Amino acid sequence: MIGEKLLDALTKIEKLYNNLIELASLKKEAILISDYDGLVRITGQEQKSASQIESVEKERAKAVEAFLKEKGLAPDTGLSVIIKGGHIRSELVNDINNLKERIISLSSEIKKRNEENNALINSSRDIIEASIGVIKNKISAGSKSSLNKSGAYSNISKTGANKNAQAKPPGADSCLLDFIV
């Protein structure tokens, strides 16, 4: 009974870990092409998978706890002791051990991919912050934009917000037409 429950839980966890690896690949692509909407969607899917893993793990832990209590074993009894004690059918032991090893490998892969994605995000953030810094330095140094160098000015700055120095052409929809160059 406990063997089947462990096998079922580990199979579900393996499937969810594989899903997280797939999502990490999609997340990397979204980061590289600056698909922010996709990044938000993928992050939500990751959170959903993580919640599902947590739920399955709680079920697994409850089943093991109930089994250990029923058998009079210590609450911290490891899987190897349960297996050696003959509490799991021998035909399930190899499947459980193989799943356990695959899950350990998958968790390492997930960690590696998340670290790569975090590095990409941090790199993007550094580039954005550097760009903002350059813009702020230009502004604080008093540099003029190409628009200011052209001598363009807004009618509003010359006439006030409630006066029109120049009538808009008929059908003009854009406030950009309020500029005289």
N, C-alpha and C. Protein backbone atom coordinates (compact mmCIF):
# COMPACT_ATOMS: atom_id res chain seq x y z
N MET A 1 0.82 -1.19 0.00
CA MET A 1 0.00 0.00 0.00
C MET A 1 0.87 1.26 0.00
N ILE A 2 1.82 1.36 0.92
CA ILE A 2 2.67 2.55 0.96
C ILE A 2 3.51 2.64 -0.30
N GLY A 3 3.93 1.51 -0.83
CA GLY A 3 4.72 1.51 -2.06
C GLY A 3 3.98 2.12 -3.22
N GLU A 4 2.71 1.78 -3.37
CA GLU A 4 1.89 2.33 -4.45
C GLU A 4 1.68 3.83 -4.26
N LYS A 5 1.47 4.25 -3.03
CA LYS A 5 1.27 5.68 -2.76
C LYS A 5 2.54 6.46 -3.06
N LEU A 6 3.69 5.91 -2.65
CA LEU A 6 4.97 6.58 -2.94
C LEU A 6 5.21 6.66 -4.44
N LEU A 7 4.98 5.56 -5.12
CA LEU A 7 5.18 5.52 -6.57
C LEU A 7 4.27 6.52 -7.27
N ASP A 8 3.03 6.60 -6.86
CA ASP A 8 2.07 7.54 -7.45
C ASP A 8 2.52 8.98 -7.20
N ALA A 9 2.89 9.29 -5.97
CA ALA A 9 3.31 10.66 -5.63
C ALA A 9 4.58 11.05 -6.39
N LEU A 10 5.56 10.15 -6.41
CA LEU A 10 6.81 10.45 -7.10
C LEU A 10 6.60 10.60 -8.61
N THR A 11 5.70 9.83 -9.18
CA THR A 11 5.38 9.95 -10.60
C THR A 11 4.76 11.32 -10.90
N LYS A 12 3.86 11.77 -10.05
CA LYS A 12 3.24 13.09 -10.22
C LYS A 12 4.30 14.19 -10.09
N ILE A 13 5.17 14.05 -9.10
CA ILE A 13 6.21 15.06 -8.89
C ILE A 13 7.16 15.10 -10.09
N GLU A 14 7.53 13.93 -10.60
CA GLU A 14 8.41 13.90 -11.77
C GLU A 14 7.77 14.64 -12.94
N LYS A 15 6.50 14.39 -13.18
CA LYS A 15 5.78 15.05 -14.27
C LYS A 15 5.78 16.58 -14.08
N LEU A 16 5.53 17.02 -12.85
CA LEU A 16 5.50 18.45 -12.56
C LEU A 16 6.90 19.07 -12.69
N TYR A 17 7.94 18.34 -12.30
CA TYR A 17 9.31 18.84 -12.46
C TYR A 17 9.65 18.98 -13.95
N ASN A 18 9.24 18.01 -14.76
CA ASN A 18 9.47 18.12 -16.20
C ASN A 18 8.74 19.33 -16.76
N ASN A 19 7.55 19.61 -16.26
CA ASN A 19 6.82 20.80 -16.67
C ASN A 19 7.58 22.07 -16.29
N LEU A 20 8.16 22.09 -15.10
CA LEU A 20 8.94 23.27 -14.68
C LEU A 20 10.15 23.48 -15.57
N ILE A 21 10.78 22.40 -16.01
CA ILE A 21 11.93 22.52 -16.92
C ILE A 21 11.48 23.11 -18.25
N GLU A 22 10.36 22.64 -18.76
CA GLU A 22 9.82 23.18 -20.00
C GLU A 22 9.49 24.67 -19.85
N LEU A 23 8.88 25.02 -18.72
CA LEU A 23 8.55 26.43 -18.47
C LEU A 23 9.81 27.28 -18.34
N ALA A 24 10.86 26.73 -17.75
CA ALA A 24 12.12 27.47 -17.62
C ALA A 24 12.70 27.77 -19.01
N SER A 25 12.57 26.83 -19.93
CA SER A 25 13.04 27.07 -21.31
C SER A 25 12.22 28.16 -21.98
N LEU A 26 10.92 28.10 -21.80
CA LEU A 26 10.05 29.13 -22.37
C LEU A 26 10.33 30.50 -21.74
N LYS A 27 10.62 30.49 -20.45
CA LYS A 27 10.92 31.73 -19.74
C LYS A 27 12.20 32.35 -20.29
N LYS A 28 13.20 31.51 -20.56
CA LYS A 28 14.46 32.01 -21.11
C LYS A 28 14.21 32.70 -22.45
N GLU A 29 13.41 32.07 -23.32
CA GLU A 29 13.08 32.67 -24.61
C GLU A 29 12.36 34.00 -24.42
N ALA A 30 11.42 34.04 -23.48
CA ALA A 30 10.67 35.27 -23.22
C ALA A 30 11.59 36.38 -22.73
N ILE A 31 12.55 36.04 -21.90
CA ILE A 31 13.51 37.03 -21.40
C ILE A 31 14.35 37.56 -22.55
N LEU A 32 14.84 36.65 -23.39
CA LEU A 32 15.73 37.04 -24.48
C LEU A 32 15.06 37.94 -25.51
N ILE A 33 13.76 37.75 -25.73
CA ILE A 33 13.07 38.59 -26.71
C ILE A 33 12.26 39.70 -26.05
N SER A 34 12.41 39.86 -24.74
CA SER A 34 11.72 40.91 -23.98
C SER A 34 10.21 40.81 -24.09
N ASP A 35 9.70 39.59 -24.02
CA ASP A 35 8.25 39.35 -24.05
C ASP A 35 7.73 39.38 -22.61
N TYR A 36 7.44 40.59 -22.13
CA TYR A 36 7.07 40.76 -20.73
C TYR A 36 5.73 40.11 -20.40
N ASP A 37 4.78 40.18 -21.32
CA ASP A 37 3.49 39.53 -21.08
C ASP A 37 3.68 38.02 -20.98
N GLY A 38 4.48 37.47 -21.87
CA GLY A 38 4.78 36.03 -21.83
C GLY A 38 5.49 35.65 -20.55
N LEU A 39 6.39 36.51 -20.11
CA LEU A 39 7.14 36.26 -18.87
C LEU A 39 6.20 36.20 -17.67
N VAL A 40 5.25 37.10 -17.63
CA VAL A 40 4.27 37.11 -16.54
C VAL A 40 3.41 35.84 -16.58
N ARG A 41 2.98 35.46 -17.78
CA ARG A 41 2.15 34.26 -17.95
C ARG A 41 2.93 33.01 -17.52
N ILE A 42 4.17 32.91 -17.95
CA ILE A 42 5.00 31.75 -17.62
C ILE A 42 5.27 31.69 -16.12
N THR A 43 5.53 32.83 -15.51
CA THR A 43 5.77 32.87 -14.06
C THR A 43 4.54 32.39 -13.31
N GLY A 44 3.36 32.76 -13.78
CA GLY A 44 2.12 32.27 -13.17
C GLY A 44 1.99 30.77 -13.29
N GLN A 45 2.37 30.23 -14.45
CA GLN A 45 2.32 28.78 -14.65
C GLN A 45 3.34 28.07 -13.74
N GLU A 46 4.49 28.68 -13.57
CA GLU A 46 5.50 28.12 -12.66
C GLU A 46 4.97 28.07 -11.23
N GLN A 47 4.33 29.13 -10.82
CA GLN A 47 3.78 29.18 -9.46
C GLN A 47 2.69 28.12 -9.28
N LYS A 48 1.89 27.92 -10.31
CA LYS A 48 0.85 26.89 -10.25
C LYS A 48 1.49 25.51 -10.12
N SER A 49 2.50 25.22 -10.90
CA SER A 49 3.19 23.93 -10.82
C SER A 49 3.85 23.75 -9.46
N ALA A 50 4.46 24.81 -8.94
CA ALA A 50 5.09 24.72 -7.62
C ALA A 50 4.05 24.43 -6.54
N SER A 51 2.89 25.04 -6.65
CA SER A 51 1.81 24.76 -5.69
C SER A 51 1.33 23.32 -5.79
N GLN A 52 1.26 22.82 -7.02
CA GLN A 52 0.85 21.43 -7.21
C GLN A 52 1.89 20.47 -6.62
N ILE A 53 3.16 20.78 -6.80
CA ILE A 53 4.22 19.95 -6.22
C ILE A 53 4.10 19.95 -4.71
N GLU A 54 3.88 21.12 -4.14
CA GLU A 54 3.72 21.24 -2.69
C GLU A 54 2.54 20.40 -2.20
N SER A 55 1.45 20.43 -2.93
CA SER A 55 0.26 19.66 -2.57
C SER A 55 0.54 18.16 -2.62
N VAL A 56 1.17 17.70 -3.70
CA VAL A 56 1.50 16.27 -3.83
C VAL A 56 2.46 15.86 -2.73
N GLU A 57 3.42 16.72 -2.44
CA GLU A 57 4.41 16.40 -1.39
C GLU A 57 3.74 16.30 -0.02
N LYS A 58 2.76 17.15 0.24
CA LYS A 58 2.02 17.06 1.51
C LYS A 58 1.26 15.74 1.60
N GLU A 59 0.63 15.35 0.49
CA GLU A 59 -0.09 14.07 0.47
C GLU A 59 0.87 12.91 0.72
N ARG A 60 2.04 12.97 0.08
CA ARG A 60 3.04 11.92 0.25
C ARG A 60 3.51 11.86 1.70
N ALA A 61 3.78 13.01 2.27
CA ALA A 61 4.26 13.06 3.66
C ALA A 61 3.20 12.52 4.62
N LYS A 62 1.93 12.86 4.39
CA LYS A 62 0.85 12.34 5.25
C LYS A 62 0.75 10.83 5.14
N ALA A 63 0.86 10.31 3.93
CA ALA A 63 0.77 8.85 3.73
C ALA A 63 1.92 8.14 4.44
N VAL A 64 3.12 8.70 4.31
CA VAL A 64 4.29 8.10 4.97
C VAL A 64 4.13 8.19 6.49
N GLU A 65 3.69 9.34 6.97
CA GLU A 65 3.50 9.52 8.42
C GLU A 65 2.48 8.52 8.97
N ALA A 66 1.37 8.37 8.27
CA ALA A 66 0.35 7.40 8.70
C ALA A 66 0.90 5.98 8.66
N PHE A 67 1.66 5.66 7.63
CA PHE A 67 2.25 4.33 7.51
C PHE A 67 3.22 4.07 8.66
N LEU A 68 4.09 5.03 8.94
CA LEU A 68 5.08 4.85 10.01
C LEU A 68 4.40 4.69 11.36
N LYS A 69 3.36 5.46 11.58
CA LYS A 69 2.61 5.37 12.84
C LYS A 69 1.94 4.00 12.95
N GLU A 70 1.34 3.54 11.86
CA GLU A 70 0.67 2.24 11.83
C GLU A 70 1.64 1.10 12.12
N LYS A 71 2.86 1.22 11.61
CA LYS A 71 3.86 0.17 11.79
C LYS A 71 4.68 0.33 13.07
N GLY A 72 4.45 1.42 13.79
CA GLY A 72 5.17 1.67 15.03
C GLY A 72 6.62 2.09 14.80
N LEU A 73 6.90 2.68 13.65
CA LEU A 73 8.24 3.15 13.32
C LEU A 73 8.40 4.63 13.69
N ALA A 74 9.63 5.03 13.91
CA ALA A 74 9.94 6.42 14.27
C ALA A 74 9.53 7.35 13.12
N PRO A 75 9.06 8.56 13.46
CA PRO A 75 8.60 9.50 12.42
C PRO A 75 9.69 9.91 11.42
N ASP A 76 10.95 9.78 11.82
CA ASP A 76 12.04 10.18 10.92
C ASP A 76 12.67 9.00 10.19
N THR A 77 11.97 7.88 10.14
CA THR A 77 12.47 6.69 9.45
C THR A 77 12.59 6.98 7.96
N GLY A 78 13.75 6.67 7.40
CA GLY A 78 14.01 6.94 5.98
C GLY A 78 13.46 5.86 5.08
N LEU A 79 13.42 6.19 3.82
CA LEU A 79 12.91 5.28 2.80
C LEU A 79 13.72 3.99 2.76
N SER A 80 15.03 4.11 2.90
CA SER A 80 15.87 2.90 2.83
C SER A 80 15.53 1.92 3.94
N VAL A 81 15.19 2.42 5.12
CA VAL A 81 14.81 1.54 6.24
C VAL A 81 13.47 0.87 5.94
N ILE A 82 12.56 1.63 5.36
CA ILE A 82 11.25 1.08 5.01
C ILE A 82 11.43 -0.03 3.96
N ILE A 83 12.29 0.22 2.98
CA ILE A 83 12.54 -0.78 1.94
C ILE A 83 13.22 -2.02 2.53
N LYS A 84 14.27 -1.81 3.32
CA LYS A 84 15.00 -2.93 3.91
C LYS A 84 14.12 -3.73 4.86
N GLY A 85 13.16 -3.08 5.46
CA GLY A 85 12.25 -3.76 6.39
C GLY A 85 11.19 -4.58 5.67
N GLY A 86 11.20 -4.55 4.34
CA GLY A 86 10.26 -5.34 3.57
C GLY A 86 8.85 -4.77 3.56
N HIS A 87 8.71 -3.49 3.86
CA HIS A 87 7.39 -2.86 3.92
C HIS A 87 6.86 -2.47 2.54
N ILE A 88 7.74 -2.51 1.54
CA ILE A 88 7.33 -2.17 0.17
C ILE A 88 7.57 -3.41 -0.69
N ARG A 89 6.57 -3.72 -1.50
CA ARG A 89 6.69 -4.89 -2.38
C ARG A 89 7.94 -4.77 -3.24
N SER A 90 8.66 -5.84 -3.38
CA SER A 90 9.95 -5.83 -4.07
C SER A 90 9.85 -5.35 -5.52
N GLU A 91 8.75 -5.64 -6.19
CA GLU A 91 8.62 -5.20 -7.59
C GLU A 91 8.48 -3.68 -7.71
N LEU A 92 8.13 -3.00 -6.62
CA LEU A 92 8.00 -1.54 -6.65
C LEU A 92 9.28 -0.83 -6.23
N VAL A 93 10.15 -1.54 -5.53
CA VAL A 93 11.36 -0.91 -4.98
C VAL A 93 12.21 -0.27 -6.06
N ASN A 94 12.50 -1.01 -7.14
CA ASN A 94 13.33 -0.45 -8.21
C ASN A 94 12.66 0.76 -8.86
N ASP A 95 11.36 0.68 -9.09
CA ASP A 95 10.65 1.82 -9.69
C ASP A 95 10.73 3.05 -8.80
N ILE A 96 10.55 2.86 -7.50
CA ILE A 96 10.61 3.99 -6.56
C ILE A 96 12.01 4.58 -6.52
N ASN A 97 13.02 3.71 -6.43
CA ASN A 97 14.40 4.20 -6.40
C ASN A 97 14.78 4.92 -7.69
N ASN A 98 14.35 4.39 -8.83
CA ASN A 98 14.64 5.04 -10.11
C ASN A 98 13.96 6.40 -10.20
N LEU A 99 12.70 6.47 -9.77
CA LEU A 99 11.98 7.75 -9.77
C LEU A 99 12.67 8.76 -8.85
N LYS A 100 13.06 8.29 -7.70
CA LYS A 100 13.74 9.16 -6.73
C LYS A 100 15.01 9.76 -7.35
N GLU A 101 15.80 8.93 -8.03
CA GLU A 101 17.03 9.42 -8.66
C GLU A 101 16.73 10.39 -9.79
N ARG A 102 15.71 10.11 -10.59
CA ARG A 102 15.34 11.03 -11.67
C ARG A 102 14.86 12.37 -11.12
N ILE A 103 14.12 12.33 -10.04
CA ILE A 103 13.63 13.58 -9.44
C ILE A 103 14.79 14.40 -8.89
N ILE A 104 15.76 13.74 -8.29
CA ILE A 104 16.95 14.46 -7.80
C ILE A 104 17.66 15.13 -8.97
N SER A 105 17.80 14.41 -10.07
CA SER A 105 18.45 14.96 -11.26
C SER A 105 17.63 16.12 -11.84
N LEU A 106 16.32 15.95 -11.90
CA LEU A 106 15.45 17.01 -12.42
C LEU A 106 15.52 18.26 -11.55
N SER A 107 15.58 18.08 -10.24
CA SER A 107 15.64 19.26 -9.36
C SER A 107 16.94 20.03 -9.58
N SER A 108 18.03 19.31 -9.85
CA SER A 108 19.29 19.98 -10.17
C SER A 108 19.18 20.76 -11.48
N GLU A 109 18.53 20.17 -12.46
CA GLU A 109 18.34 20.83 -13.75
C GLU A 109 17.46 22.08 -13.59
N ILE A 110 16.41 21.98 -12.81
CA ILE A 110 15.54 23.13 -12.57
C ILE A 110 16.34 24.26 -11.91
N LYS A 111 17.13 23.90 -10.93
CA LYS A 111 17.94 24.90 -10.22
C LYS A 111 18.90 25.59 -11.19
N LYS A 112 19.55 24.80 -12.04
CA LYS A 112 20.49 25.36 -13.02
C LYS A 112 19.79 26.32 -13.97
N ARG A 113 18.64 25.91 -14.49
CA ARG A 113 17.91 26.77 -15.44
C ARG A 113 17.39 28.04 -14.77
N ASN A 114 16.93 27.92 -13.54
CA ASN A 114 16.47 29.11 -12.82
C ASN A 114 17.62 30.08 -12.57
N GLU A 115 18.79 29.55 -12.25
CA GLU A 115 19.96 30.42 -12.05
C GLU A 115 20.32 31.13 -13.35
N GLU A 116 20.26 30.41 -14.48
CA GLU A 116 20.53 31.03 -15.77
C GLU A 116 19.53 32.14 -16.07
N ASN A 117 18.25 31.86 -15.83
CA ASN A 117 17.21 32.86 -16.09
C ASN A 117 17.37 34.07 -15.18
N ASN A 118 17.72 33.83 -13.92
CA ASN A 118 17.94 34.95 -13.00
C ASN A 118 19.12 35.79 -13.46
N ALA A 119 20.17 35.15 -13.97
CA ALA A 119 21.33 35.89 -14.47
C ALA A 119 20.92 36.75 -15.68
N LEU A 120 20.11 36.20 -16.57
CA LEU A 120 19.62 36.97 -17.72
C LEU A 120 18.78 38.16 -17.28
N ILE A 121 17.90 37.93 -16.32
CA ILE A 121 17.05 39.01 -15.80
C ILE A 121 17.91 40.10 -15.17
N ASN A 122 18.89 39.69 -14.37
CA ASN A 122 19.78 40.67 -13.73
C ASN A 122 20.59 41.45 -14.77
N SER A 123 21.03 40.77 -15.82
CA SER A 123 21.77 41.43 -16.89
C SER A 123 20.88 42.46 -17.59
N SER A 124 19.63 42.08 -17.88
CA SER A 124 18.69 43.01 -18.50
C SER A 124 18.45 44.21 -17.59
N ARG A 125 18.29 43.94 -16.31
CA ARG A 125 18.06 45.02 -15.35
C ARG A 125 19.26 45.97 -15.32
N ASP A 126 20.48 45.41 -15.36
CA ASP A 126 21.68 46.25 -15.35
C ASP A 126 21.74 47.15 -16.59
N ILE A 127 21.38 46.59 -17.74
CA ILE A 127 21.38 47.38 -18.98
C ILE A 127 20.36 48.50 -18.90
N ILE A 128 19.17 48.19 -18.40
CA ILE A 128 18.12 49.21 -18.26
C ILE A 128 18.57 50.31 -17.30
N GLU A 129 19.14 49.91 -16.16
CA GLU A 129 19.60 50.90 -15.18
C GLU A 129 20.73 51.76 -15.74
N ALA A 130 21.62 51.16 -16.52
CA ALA A 130 22.71 51.93 -17.14
C ALA A 130 22.15 52.93 -18.15
N SER A 131 21.15 52.50 -18.92
CA SER A 131 20.52 53.39 -19.90
C SER A 131 19.83 54.56 -19.21
N ILE A 132 19.14 54.26 -18.13
CA ILE A 132 18.47 55.33 -17.37
C ILE A 132 19.51 56.28 -16.80
N GLY A 133 20.62 55.75 -16.33
CA GLY A 133 21.70 56.59 -15.80
C GLY A 133 22.25 57.53 -16.84
N VAL A 134 22.46 57.05 -18.06
CA VAL A 134 22.95 57.89 -19.15
C VAL A 134 21.96 59.00 -19.44
N ILE A 135 20.69 58.66 -19.50
CA ILE A 135 19.66 59.67 -19.77
C ILE A 135 19.62 60.71 -18.66
N LYS A 136 19.68 60.26 -17.41
CA LYS A 136 19.66 61.20 -16.29
C LYS A 136 20.88 62.13 -16.33
N ASN A 137 22.04 61.57 -16.66
CA ASN A 137 23.25 62.39 -16.75
C ASN A 137 23.13 63.45 -17.83
N LYS A 138 22.54 63.08 -18.97
CA LYS A 138 22.36 64.05 -20.04
C LYS A 138 21.40 65.16 -19.61
N ILE A 139 20.35 64.77 -18.92
CA ILE A 139 19.37 65.76 -18.48
C ILE A 139 19.99 66.68 -17.44
N SER A 140 20.70 66.10 -16.48
CA SER A 140 21.27 66.92 -15.42
C SER A 140 22.41 67.79 -15.94
N ALA A 141 23.06 67.40 -17.02
CA ALA A 141 24.13 68.20 -17.60
C ALA A 141 23.56 69.35 -18.43
N GLY A 142 22.25 69.38 -18.60
CA GLY A 142 21.61 70.48 -19.31
C GLY A 142 21.65 70.33 -20.82
N SER A 143 21.89 69.14 -21.29
CA SER A 143 21.90 68.97 -22.75
C SER A 143 20.50 69.17 -23.29
N LYS A 144 20.44 69.67 -24.50
CA LYS A 144 19.15 69.92 -25.12
C LYS A 144 18.84 68.79 -26.08
N SER A 145 17.59 68.46 -26.13
CA SER A 145 17.17 67.43 -27.09
C SER A 145 17.24 68.01 -28.49
N SER A 146 17.21 67.15 -29.48
CA SER A 146 17.24 67.62 -30.86
C SER A 146 16.03 68.50 -31.15
N LEU A 147 14.93 68.27 -30.46
CA LEU A 147 13.75 69.10 -30.66
C LEU A 147 14.03 70.52 -30.17
N ASN A 148 14.65 70.65 -29.00
CA ASN A 148 14.97 71.98 -28.48
C ASN A 148 15.99 72.67 -29.35
N LYS A 149 16.96 71.95 -29.90
CA LYS A 149 17.98 72.55 -30.75
C LYS A 149 17.38 73.08 -32.04
N SER A 150 16.27 72.50 -32.47
CA SER A 150 15.65 72.93 -33.72
C SER A 150 14.91 74.25 -33.55
N GLY A 151 14.71 74.67 -32.32
CA GLY A 151 13.99 75.91 -32.08
C GLY A 151 12.50 75.71 -31.98
N ALA A 152 12.05 74.47 -31.94
CA ALA A 152 10.61 74.19 -31.86
C ALA A 152 10.09 74.64 -30.51
N TYR A 153 8.87 75.07 -30.48
CA TYR A 153 8.24 75.44 -29.23
C TYR A 153 6.76 75.13 -29.32
N SER A 154 6.18 75.01 -28.18
CA SER A 154 4.76 74.70 -28.11
C SER A 154 3.98 75.99 -28.03
N ASN A 155 2.86 76.02 -28.70
CA ASN A 155 1.97 77.17 -28.59
C ASN A 155 1.52 77.36 -27.15
N ILE A 156 1.33 76.27 -26.44
CA ILE A 156 0.84 76.37 -25.08
C ILE A 156 1.84 77.11 -24.20
N SER A 157 3.14 76.85 -24.38
CA SER A 157 4.11 77.53 -23.53
C SER A 157 4.17 79.02 -23.84
N LYS A 158 3.84 79.41 -25.05
CA LYS A 158 3.90 80.82 -25.42
C LYS A 158 2.60 81.56 -25.09
N THR A 159 1.47 80.89 -25.17
CA THR A 159 0.19 81.58 -25.06
C THR A 159 -0.59 81.21 -23.82
N GLY A 160 -0.16 80.18 -23.09
CA GLY A 160 -0.91 79.72 -21.94
C GLY A 160 -1.83 78.59 -22.33
N ALA A 161 -2.32 77.90 -21.34
CA ALA A 161 -3.10 76.69 -21.58
C ALA A 161 -4.46 76.99 -22.20
N ASN A 162 -5.04 78.17 -21.96
CA ASN A 162 -6.41 78.43 -22.42
C ASN A 162 -6.47 79.23 -23.72
N LYS A 163 -5.32 79.63 -24.27
CA LYS A 163 -5.34 80.46 -25.48
C LYS A 163 -4.76 79.66 -26.64
N ASN A 164 -5.25 79.91 -27.81
CA ASN A 164 -4.69 79.29 -29.01
C ASN A 164 -3.98 80.35 -29.83
N ALA A 165 -2.68 80.22 -29.97
CA ALA A 165 -1.94 81.18 -30.78
C ALA A 165 -2.13 80.91 -32.25
N GLN A 166 -2.43 79.67 -32.55
CA GLN A 166 -2.60 79.31 -33.95
C GLN A 166 -3.74 78.31 -34.00
N ALA A 167 -4.67 78.53 -34.88
CA ALA A 167 -5.81 77.62 -35.00
C ALA A 167 -5.35 76.30 -35.59
N LYS A 168 -5.96 75.24 -35.10
CA LYS A 168 -5.64 73.92 -35.63
C LYS A 168 -6.25 73.80 -37.01
N PRO A 169 -5.54 73.11 -37.89
CA PRO A 169 -6.14 72.85 -39.21
C PRO A 169 -7.37 71.98 -39.02
N PRO A 170 -8.35 72.09 -39.89
CA PRO A 170 -9.57 71.28 -39.76
C PRO A 170 -9.23 69.79 -39.81
N GLY A 171 -9.87 69.03 -38.91
CA GLY A 171 -9.68 67.58 -38.87
C GLY A 171 -8.39 67.13 -38.20
N ALA A 172 -7.64 68.04 -37.59
CA ALA A 172 -6.38 67.67 -36.95
C ALA A 172 -6.68 66.96 -35.63
N ASP A 173 -6.17 65.77 -35.48
CA ASP A 173 -6.42 64.99 -34.28
C ASP A 173 -5.23 65.00 -33.33
N SER A 174 -4.09 65.34 -33.79
CA SER A 174 -2.88 65.17 -33.00
C SER A 174 -2.47 66.48 -32.35
N CYS A 175 -2.06 66.36 -31.08
CA CYS A 175 -1.54 67.55 -30.39
C CYS A 175 -0.17 67.89 -30.91
N LEU A 176 0.47 66.99 -31.68
CA LEU A 176 1.77 67.29 -32.26
C LEU A 176 1.67 68.42 -33.28
N LEU A 177 0.46 68.60 -33.81
CA LEU A 177 0.27 69.69 -34.77
C LEU A 177 0.26 71.05 -34.08
N ASP A 178 0.26 71.08 -32.75
CA ASP A 178 0.32 72.33 -32.02
C ASP A 178 1.73 72.90 -31.95
N PHE A 179 2.69 72.17 -32.47
CA PHE A 179 4.08 72.64 -32.44
C PHE A 179 4.42 73.36 -33.71
N ILE A 180 5.13 74.48 -33.57
CA ILE A 180 5.59 75.23 -34.72
C ILE A 180 7.08 75.01 -34.81
N VAL A 181 7.56 74.63 -35.98
CA VAL A 181 9.00 74.36 -36.16
C VAL A 181 9.58 75.41 -37.06
